[in-house]
Amino acid sequence: MPYDPVLVQPFRDELISAGVRELRIGSEVDEVMNDKSGTLLIVVNSVCGCAAGAARPAIRKALLNQNKPEKITSVFAGQDLEATARAREYFVGLPPSSPAIALYKSGEMVHFIPRHRIEGRSGDDIANELVMIFNKFCTKKNNFASDKKSY
């Protein structure tokens, strides 16, 4: 059973206010995933403490960086069940994780941060990792052919 929507709304708002587009149903996930152009960030949001204490603050801070993904989205685990399940289908070969952060470039996953790499880390540490990845993959100066996956 999904979490109470009233209780979850502040967790949604934390990312929405930073410019993150929520994907609430599977077809919305398919729509963004089928557009292979540019860069796409998908955040699997969650009610857990590591999402509140590290993941969401890290995303908000990293999105202040000059270089950032062109499309910035989220699904909410435990709330938007269809959208979350559909997003996880695109995380090929990776076990379900929430929270989690995935970056795609030209339709290819180039970086993934699962829950076990969020737990126990500070928001600043994760934000620094995201900024490094954004600077690598989200700039026009890069030659994508030379970029290597970083997970």
N, C-alpha and C. Protein backbone atom coordinates (compact mmCIF):
# COMPACT_ATOMS: atom_id res chain seq x y z
N MET A 1 0.84 -1.18 0.00
CA MET A 1 0.00 0.00 0.00
C MET A 1 0.89 1.24 0.00
N PRO A 2 0.59 2.21 -0.85
CA PRO A 2 1.40 3.43 -0.91
C PRO A 2 1.33 4.23 0.40
N TYR A 3 2.37 5.03 0.60
CA TYR A 3 2.39 5.92 1.75
C TYR A 3 1.30 6.97 1.63
N ASP A 4 0.90 7.54 2.75
CA ASP A 4 -0.10 8.60 2.78
C ASP A 4 0.38 9.79 1.95
N PRO A 5 -0.37 10.17 0.92
CA PRO A 5 0.06 11.27 0.05
C PRO A 5 0.29 12.59 0.79
N VAL A 6 -0.48 12.85 1.84
CA VAL A 6 -0.31 14.09 2.59
C VAL A 6 1.05 14.11 3.30
N LEU A 7 1.44 12.98 3.84
CA LEU A 7 2.72 12.90 4.53
C LEU A 7 3.91 12.97 3.56
N VAL A 8 3.71 12.49 2.36
CA VAL A 8 4.78 12.43 1.36
C VAL A 8 4.97 13.76 0.63
N GLN A 9 3.96 14.59 0.58
CA GLN A 9 4.02 15.80 -0.24
C GLN A 9 5.23 16.70 0.07
N PRO A 10 5.61 16.90 1.33
CA PRO A 10 6.80 17.73 1.58
C PRO A 10 8.07 17.14 0.95
N PHE A 11 8.15 15.81 0.89
CA PHE A 11 9.32 15.15 0.28
C PHE A 11 9.31 15.36 -1.23
N ARG A 12 8.13 15.37 -1.81
CA ARG A 12 7.99 15.67 -3.25
C ARG A 12 8.39 17.13 -3.51
N ASP A 13 7.82 18.02 -2.67
CA ASP A 13 8.03 19.45 -2.87
C ASP A 13 9.50 19.84 -2.78
N GLU A 14 10.25 19.12 -1.97
CA GLU A 14 11.67 19.43 -1.83
C GLU A 14 12.40 19.33 -3.17
N LEU A 15 12.03 18.36 -3.99
CA LEU A 15 12.66 18.23 -5.31
C LEU A 15 11.94 19.09 -6.36
N ILE A 16 10.63 19.15 -6.29
CA ILE A 16 9.88 19.97 -7.25
C ILE A 16 10.36 21.42 -7.20
N SER A 17 10.58 21.94 -6.00
CA SER A 17 11.00 23.33 -5.86
C SER A 17 12.40 23.57 -6.43
N ALA A 18 13.15 22.49 -6.65
CA ALA A 18 14.48 22.60 -7.25
C ALA A 18 14.44 22.40 -8.77
N GLY A 19 13.23 22.27 -9.32
CA GLY A 19 13.09 22.13 -10.76
C GLY A 19 12.99 20.70 -11.27
N VAL A 20 12.75 19.77 -10.37
CA VAL A 20 12.64 18.36 -10.74
C VAL A 20 11.20 18.07 -11.18
N ARG A 21 11.06 17.41 -12.32
CA ARG A 21 9.74 17.03 -12.84
C ARG A 21 9.40 15.64 -12.33
N GLU A 22 8.28 15.52 -11.66
CA GLU A 22 7.83 14.21 -11.19
C GLU A 22 7.23 13.41 -12.33
N LEU A 23 7.56 12.13 -12.35
CA LEU A 23 6.96 11.18 -13.27
C LEU A 23 6.07 10.30 -12.41
N ARG A 24 4.76 10.38 -12.61
CA ARG A 24 3.82 9.73 -11.70
C ARG A 24 3.25 8.42 -12.24
N ILE A 25 3.35 8.21 -13.57
CA ILE A 25 2.83 6.98 -14.18
C ILE A 25 3.87 6.43 -15.16
N GLY A 26 3.72 5.17 -15.46
CA GLY A 26 4.69 4.49 -16.32
C GLY A 26 4.87 5.13 -17.68
N SER A 27 3.79 5.61 -18.29
CA SER A 27 3.91 6.22 -19.62
C SER A 27 4.75 7.49 -19.59
N GLU A 28 4.74 8.21 -18.47
CA GLU A 28 5.60 9.40 -18.36
C GLU A 28 7.07 9.00 -18.31
N VAL A 29 7.37 7.89 -17.64
CA VAL A 29 8.74 7.39 -17.61
C VAL A 29 9.16 6.99 -19.02
N ASP A 30 8.30 6.25 -19.71
CA ASP A 30 8.61 5.84 -21.08
C ASP A 30 8.84 7.04 -21.98
N GLU A 31 8.04 8.06 -21.82
CA GLU A 31 8.17 9.27 -22.64
C GLU A 31 9.57 9.89 -22.50
N VAL A 32 10.05 10.07 -21.28
CA VAL A 32 11.37 10.69 -21.11
C VAL A 32 12.48 9.73 -21.52
N MET A 33 12.29 8.44 -21.27
CA MET A 33 13.33 7.47 -21.63
C MET A 33 13.43 7.27 -23.14
N ASN A 34 12.33 7.41 -23.84
CA ASN A 34 12.34 7.24 -25.30
C ASN A 34 12.96 8.43 -26.03
N ASP A 35 13.08 9.55 -25.35
CA ASP A 35 13.78 10.71 -25.92
C ASP A 35 15.25 10.55 -25.59
N LYS A 36 16.00 10.07 -26.53
CA LYS A 36 17.42 9.73 -26.30
C LYS A 36 18.35 10.95 -26.41
N SER A 37 17.80 12.10 -26.67
CA SER A 37 18.65 13.28 -26.84
C SER A 37 19.09 13.84 -25.49
N GLY A 38 20.27 14.37 -25.45
CA GLY A 38 20.76 15.10 -24.28
C GLY A 38 20.97 14.24 -23.05
N THR A 39 20.87 14.90 -21.91
CA THR A 39 21.11 14.25 -20.62
C THR A 39 19.84 14.23 -19.79
N LEU A 40 19.71 13.17 -19.01
CA LEU A 40 18.52 12.93 -18.21
C LEU A 40 18.94 12.42 -16.84
N LEU A 41 18.42 13.05 -15.80
CA LEU A 41 18.61 12.57 -14.43
C LEU A 41 17.29 11.99 -13.95
N ILE A 42 17.35 10.78 -13.42
CA ILE A 42 16.18 10.16 -12.79
C ILE A 42 16.53 9.88 -11.34
N VAL A 43 15.75 10.45 -10.44
CA VAL A 43 15.92 10.24 -9.02
C VAL A 43 14.80 9.34 -8.54
N VAL A 44 15.16 8.29 -7.82
CA VAL A 44 14.15 7.48 -7.14
C VAL A 44 14.07 8.05 -5.73
N ASN A 45 13.03 8.83 -5.50
CA ASN A 45 12.82 9.49 -4.22
C ASN A 45 12.23 8.48 -3.23
N SER A 46 12.36 8.79 -1.96
CA SER A 46 11.94 7.85 -0.92
C SER A 46 11.65 8.60 0.38
N VAL A 47 10.92 7.93 1.28
CA VAL A 47 10.64 8.52 2.59
C VAL A 47 11.74 8.22 3.60
N CYS A 48 12.71 7.41 3.24
CA CYS A 48 13.72 6.96 4.20
C CYS A 48 14.63 8.11 4.66
N GLY A 49 15.30 7.87 5.74
CA GLY A 49 16.19 8.88 6.32
C GLY A 49 17.34 9.26 5.42
N CYS A 50 17.89 8.31 4.66
CA CYS A 50 19.03 8.67 3.79
C CYS A 50 18.58 9.52 2.61
N ALA A 51 17.32 9.41 2.22
CA ALA A 51 16.79 10.30 1.19
C ALA A 51 16.65 11.71 1.76
N ALA A 52 16.12 11.79 2.98
CA ALA A 52 15.91 13.09 3.61
C ALA A 52 17.20 13.76 4.02
N GLY A 53 18.12 12.99 4.57
CA GLY A 53 19.34 13.56 5.11
C GLY A 53 20.47 13.73 4.12
N ALA A 54 20.43 12.99 3.01
CA ALA A 54 21.56 13.03 2.07
C ALA A 54 21.13 13.20 0.61
N ALA A 55 20.26 12.33 0.12
CA ALA A 55 19.96 12.33 -1.31
C ALA A 55 19.28 13.62 -1.78
N ARG A 56 18.15 13.98 -1.18
CA ARG A 56 17.45 15.19 -1.65
C ARG A 56 18.29 16.45 -1.45
N PRO A 57 18.93 16.65 -0.28
CA PRO A 57 19.79 17.83 -0.16
C PRO A 57 20.93 17.84 -1.19
N ALA A 58 21.49 16.67 -1.49
CA ALA A 58 22.57 16.58 -2.47
C ALA A 58 22.09 16.97 -3.86
N ILE A 59 20.93 16.49 -4.23
CA ILE A 59 20.39 16.81 -5.55
C ILE A 59 20.12 18.30 -5.65
N ARG A 60 19.50 18.86 -4.63
CA ARG A 60 19.20 20.31 -4.64
C ARG A 60 20.49 21.12 -4.78
N LYS A 61 21.51 20.74 -4.04
CA LYS A 61 22.78 21.47 -4.10
C LYS A 61 23.45 21.29 -5.46
N ALA A 62 23.49 20.07 -5.96
CA ALA A 62 24.15 19.81 -7.25
C ALA A 62 23.45 20.52 -8.40
N LEU A 63 22.15 20.70 -8.30
CA LEU A 63 21.42 21.37 -9.37
C LEU A 63 21.69 22.87 -9.43
N LEU A 64 22.41 23.39 -8.44
CA LEU A 64 22.84 24.79 -8.49
C LEU A 64 24.07 24.94 -9.38
N ASN A 65 24.70 23.85 -9.74
CA ASN A 65 25.89 23.86 -10.60
C ASN A 65 25.53 24.38 -11.99
N GLN A 66 26.48 25.04 -12.62
CA GLN A 66 26.25 25.57 -13.96
C GLN A 66 25.92 24.46 -14.95
N ASN A 67 26.64 23.35 -14.88
CA ASN A 67 26.38 22.21 -15.74
C ASN A 67 25.45 21.26 -15.02
N LYS A 68 24.34 20.96 -15.64
CA LYS A 68 23.39 20.02 -15.05
C LYS A 68 22.62 19.35 -16.19
N PRO A 69 21.95 18.26 -15.88
CA PRO A 69 21.20 17.56 -16.93
C PRO A 69 20.12 18.45 -17.55
N GLU A 70 19.85 18.17 -18.80
CA GLU A 70 18.80 18.92 -19.51
C GLU A 70 17.41 18.55 -19.01
N LYS A 71 17.22 17.28 -18.67
CA LYS A 71 15.94 16.80 -18.15
C LYS A 71 16.21 16.23 -16.76
N ILE A 72 15.44 16.72 -15.78
CA ILE A 72 15.65 16.33 -14.38
C ILE A 72 14.31 15.83 -13.85
N THR A 73 14.27 14.54 -13.50
CA THR A 73 13.00 13.90 -13.17
C THR A 73 13.13 13.08 -11.89
N SER A 74 11.96 12.68 -11.36
CA SER A 74 11.95 11.77 -10.21
C SER A 74 10.73 10.88 -10.27
N VAL A 75 10.86 9.74 -9.63
CA VAL A 75 9.74 8.85 -9.33
C VAL A 75 9.78 8.66 -7.82
N PHE A 76 8.65 8.31 -7.22
CA PHE A 76 8.61 8.20 -5.77
C PHE A 76 8.30 6.77 -5.37
N ALA A 77 9.32 6.09 -4.82
CA ALA A 77 9.15 4.71 -4.35
C ALA A 77 8.16 4.68 -3.20
N GLY A 78 7.28 3.70 -3.20
CA GLY A 78 6.30 3.57 -2.14
C GLY A 78 5.10 4.48 -2.32
N GLN A 79 5.09 5.27 -3.37
CA GLN A 79 3.99 6.18 -3.63
C GLN A 79 3.49 6.01 -5.06
N ASP A 80 4.36 6.29 -6.01
CA ASP A 80 4.00 6.15 -7.43
C ASP A 80 4.54 4.81 -7.90
N LEU A 81 3.82 3.76 -7.55
CA LEU A 81 4.31 2.40 -7.72
C LEU A 81 4.57 2.05 -9.19
N GLU A 82 3.65 2.42 -10.08
CA GLU A 82 3.80 2.10 -11.50
C GLU A 82 5.01 2.82 -12.09
N ALA A 83 5.14 4.10 -11.82
CA ALA A 83 6.25 4.88 -12.36
C ALA A 83 7.59 4.36 -11.83
N THR A 84 7.63 4.04 -10.56
CA THR A 84 8.87 3.54 -9.96
C THR A 84 9.26 2.19 -10.57
N ALA A 85 8.30 1.31 -10.69
CA ALA A 85 8.58 -0.01 -11.30
C ALA A 85 9.06 0.16 -12.73
N ARG A 86 8.44 1.06 -13.46
CA ARG A 86 8.84 1.27 -14.87
C ARG A 86 10.24 1.86 -14.94
N ALA A 87 10.56 2.82 -14.10
CA ALA A 87 11.90 3.41 -14.10
C ALA A 87 12.94 2.34 -13.80
N ARG A 88 12.65 1.49 -12.85
CA ARG A 88 13.60 0.44 -12.47
C ARG A 88 13.84 -0.54 -13.62
N GLU A 89 12.88 -0.70 -14.51
CA GLU A 89 13.08 -1.57 -15.67
C GLU A 89 14.18 -1.01 -16.58
N TYR A 90 14.38 0.28 -16.55
CA TYR A 90 15.43 0.91 -17.36
C TYR A 90 16.80 0.84 -16.68
N PHE A 91 16.83 0.49 -15.41
CA PHE A 91 18.11 0.34 -14.69
C PHE A 91 18.60 -1.10 -14.89
N VAL A 92 18.85 -1.45 -16.12
CA VAL A 92 19.16 -2.82 -16.52
C VAL A 92 20.36 -3.38 -15.74
N GLY A 93 20.14 -4.56 -15.17
CA GLY A 93 21.20 -5.25 -14.45
C GLY A 93 21.45 -4.75 -13.04
N LEU A 94 20.66 -3.77 -12.60
CA LEU A 94 20.85 -3.21 -11.26
C LEU A 94 19.66 -3.57 -10.38
N PRO A 95 19.90 -3.96 -9.13
CA PRO A 95 18.78 -4.31 -8.26
C PRO A 95 17.99 -3.06 -7.87
N PRO A 96 16.71 -3.24 -7.50
CA PRO A 96 15.91 -2.10 -7.06
C PRO A 96 16.58 -1.39 -5.89
N SER A 97 16.51 -0.08 -5.90
CA SER A 97 17.16 0.72 -4.88
C SER A 97 16.38 2.01 -4.69
N SER A 98 16.14 2.37 -3.44
CA SER A 98 15.55 3.67 -3.17
C SER A 98 16.10 4.17 -1.84
N PRO A 99 16.63 5.36 -1.86
CA PRO A 99 16.73 6.23 -3.02
C PRO A 99 17.81 5.73 -3.99
N ALA A 100 17.81 6.34 -5.16
CA ALA A 100 18.82 6.07 -6.17
C ALA A 100 18.85 7.26 -7.12
N ILE A 101 19.98 7.41 -7.81
CA ILE A 101 20.15 8.52 -8.74
C ILE A 101 20.82 7.96 -9.99
N ALA A 102 20.18 8.16 -11.14
CA ALA A 102 20.72 7.66 -12.42
C ALA A 102 20.88 8.81 -13.40
N LEU A 103 22.01 8.84 -14.08
CA LEU A 103 22.24 9.84 -15.12
C LEU A 103 22.40 9.12 -16.46
N TYR A 104 21.66 9.60 -17.44
CA TYR A 104 21.72 9.08 -18.81
C TYR A 104 22.23 10.17 -19.74
N LYS A 105 23.00 9.75 -20.72
CA LYS A 105 23.41 10.66 -21.80
C LYS A 105 23.14 9.95 -23.11
N SER A 106 22.40 10.61 -23.97
CA SER A 106 22.01 10.05 -25.28
C SER A 106 21.39 8.67 -25.12
N GLY A 107 20.59 8.49 -24.08
CA GLY A 107 19.88 7.25 -23.85
C GLY A 107 20.67 6.16 -23.16
N GLU A 108 21.93 6.41 -22.83
CA GLU A 108 22.77 5.41 -22.17
C GLU A 108 23.04 5.83 -20.73
N MET A 109 22.85 4.88 -19.80
CA MET A 109 23.17 5.17 -18.40
C MET A 109 24.68 5.32 -18.27
N VAL A 110 25.10 6.47 -17.71
CA VAL A 110 26.53 6.73 -17.56
C VAL A 110 26.95 6.80 -16.10
N HIS A 111 25.99 6.91 -15.19
CA HIS A 111 26.33 6.96 -13.77
C HIS A 111 25.11 6.52 -12.96
N PHE A 112 25.36 5.79 -11.88
CA PHE A 112 24.28 5.32 -11.02
C PHE A 112 24.76 5.33 -9.58
N ILE A 113 23.95 5.93 -8.72
CA ILE A 113 24.25 5.94 -7.28
C ILE A 113 23.09 5.22 -6.58
N PRO A 114 23.32 3.99 -6.13
CA PRO A 114 22.28 3.25 -5.41
C PRO A 114 22.27 3.62 -3.93
N ARG A 115 21.28 3.12 -3.25
CA ARG A 115 21.10 3.41 -1.83
C ARG A 115 22.36 3.12 -1.01
N HIS A 116 23.02 2.00 -1.28
CA HIS A 116 24.18 1.66 -0.44
C HIS A 116 25.34 2.64 -0.61
N ARG A 117 25.31 3.47 -1.67
CA ARG A 117 26.32 4.51 -1.83
C ARG A 117 25.80 5.88 -1.39
N ILE A 118 24.58 5.91 -0.86
CA ILE A 118 24.00 7.13 -0.28
C ILE A 118 24.03 7.03 1.24
N GLU A 119 23.66 5.86 1.76
CA GLU A 119 23.64 5.65 3.22
C GLU A 119 25.00 5.95 3.82
N GLY A 120 24.98 6.69 4.91
CA GLY A 120 26.21 6.96 5.64
C GLY A 120 27.07 8.06 5.05
N ARG A 121 26.68 8.62 3.94
CA ARG A 121 27.43 9.73 3.33
C ARG A 121 26.69 11.04 3.58
N SER A 122 27.43 12.12 3.56
CA SER A 122 26.79 13.42 3.74
C SER A 122 26.19 13.90 2.42
N GLY A 123 25.22 14.78 2.54
CA GLY A 123 24.65 15.40 1.35
C GLY A 123 25.70 16.13 0.55
N ASP A 124 26.64 16.80 1.24
CA ASP A 124 27.70 17.52 0.54
C ASP A 124 28.59 16.58 -0.26
N ASP A 125 28.91 15.43 0.31
CA ASP A 125 29.75 14.46 -0.38
C ASP A 125 29.06 13.95 -1.66
N ILE A 126 27.78 13.64 -1.56
CA ILE A 126 27.03 13.17 -2.72
C ILE A 126 26.87 14.30 -3.73
N ALA A 127 26.61 15.51 -3.25
CA ALA A 127 26.50 16.66 -4.16
C ALA A 127 27.80 16.86 -4.92
N ASN A 128 28.93 16.72 -4.25
CA ASN A 128 30.23 16.87 -4.93
C ASN A 128 30.40 15.80 -6.02
N GLU A 129 29.98 14.57 -5.72
CA GLU A 129 30.04 13.51 -6.73
C GLU A 129 29.15 13.87 -7.93
N LEU A 130 27.94 14.34 -7.64
CA LEU A 130 27.03 14.71 -8.73
C LEU A 130 27.58 15.86 -9.56
N VAL A 131 28.14 16.86 -8.92
CA VAL A 131 28.72 17.98 -9.66
C VAL A 131 29.84 17.49 -10.57
N MET A 132 30.69 16.61 -10.07
CA MET A 132 31.76 16.06 -10.88
C MET A 132 31.19 15.34 -12.11
N ILE A 133 30.14 14.56 -11.90
CA ILE A 133 29.51 13.82 -12.99
C ILE A 133 28.80 14.77 -13.94
N PHE A 134 28.10 15.76 -13.41
CA PHE A 134 27.45 16.75 -14.28
C PHE A 134 28.49 17.46 -15.13
N ASN A 135 29.61 17.84 -14.53
CA ASN A 135 30.65 18.54 -15.29
C ASN A 135 31.24 17.66 -16.37
N LYS A 136 31.26 16.37 -16.13
CA LYS A 136 31.81 15.44 -17.12
C LYS A 136 30.83 15.17 -18.26
N PHE A 137 29.57 14.95 -17.93
CA PHE A 137 28.62 14.49 -18.94
C PHE A 137 27.62 15.54 -19.42
N CYS A 138 27.50 16.63 -18.74
CA CYS A 138 26.45 17.60 -19.06
C CYS A 138 27.01 18.89 -19.65
N THR A 139 28.13 18.82 -20.32
CA THR A 139 28.69 20.01 -20.95
C THR A 139 28.75 19.81 -22.45
N LYS A 140 28.65 20.88 -23.16
CA LYS A 140 28.76 20.83 -24.62
C LYS A 140 30.21 20.68 -25.05
N LYS A 141 31.15 20.96 -24.13
CA LYS A 141 32.57 20.89 -24.47
C LYS A 141 33.05 19.45 -24.58
N ASN A 142 32.32 18.52 -23.97
CA ASN A 142 32.75 17.12 -23.95
C ASN A 142 32.59 16.45 -25.31
N ASN A 143 33.48 15.56 -25.60
CA ASN A 143 33.33 14.66 -26.72
C ASN A 143 32.78 13.37 -26.13
N PHE A 144 31.49 13.08 -26.33
CA PHE A 144 30.85 11.95 -25.69
C PHE A 144 31.58 10.65 -26.00
N ALA A 145 32.18 10.56 -27.16
CA ALA A 145 32.88 9.31 -27.53
C ALA A 145 33.98 8.97 -26.53
N SER A 146 34.52 10.00 -25.87
CA SER A 146 35.61 9.73 -24.93
C SER A 146 35.12 9.51 -23.50
N ASP A 147 33.82 9.77 -23.26
CA ASP A 147 33.27 9.59 -21.91
C ASP A 147 33.14 8.10 -21.60
N LYS A 148 33.45 7.75 -20.39
CA LYS A 148 33.33 6.38 -19.93
C LYS A 148 32.29 6.33 -18.82
N LYS A 149 31.58 5.23 -18.77
CA LYS A 149 30.63 5.04 -17.67
C LYS A 149 31.39 5.15 -16.36
N SER A 150 30.70 5.65 -15.33
CA SER A 150 31.40 5.88 -14.08
C SER A 150 30.72 5.18 -12.91
N TYR A 151 30.13 4.05 -13.15
CA TYR A 151 29.57 3.29 -12.03
C TYR A 151 30.06 1.88 -12.08
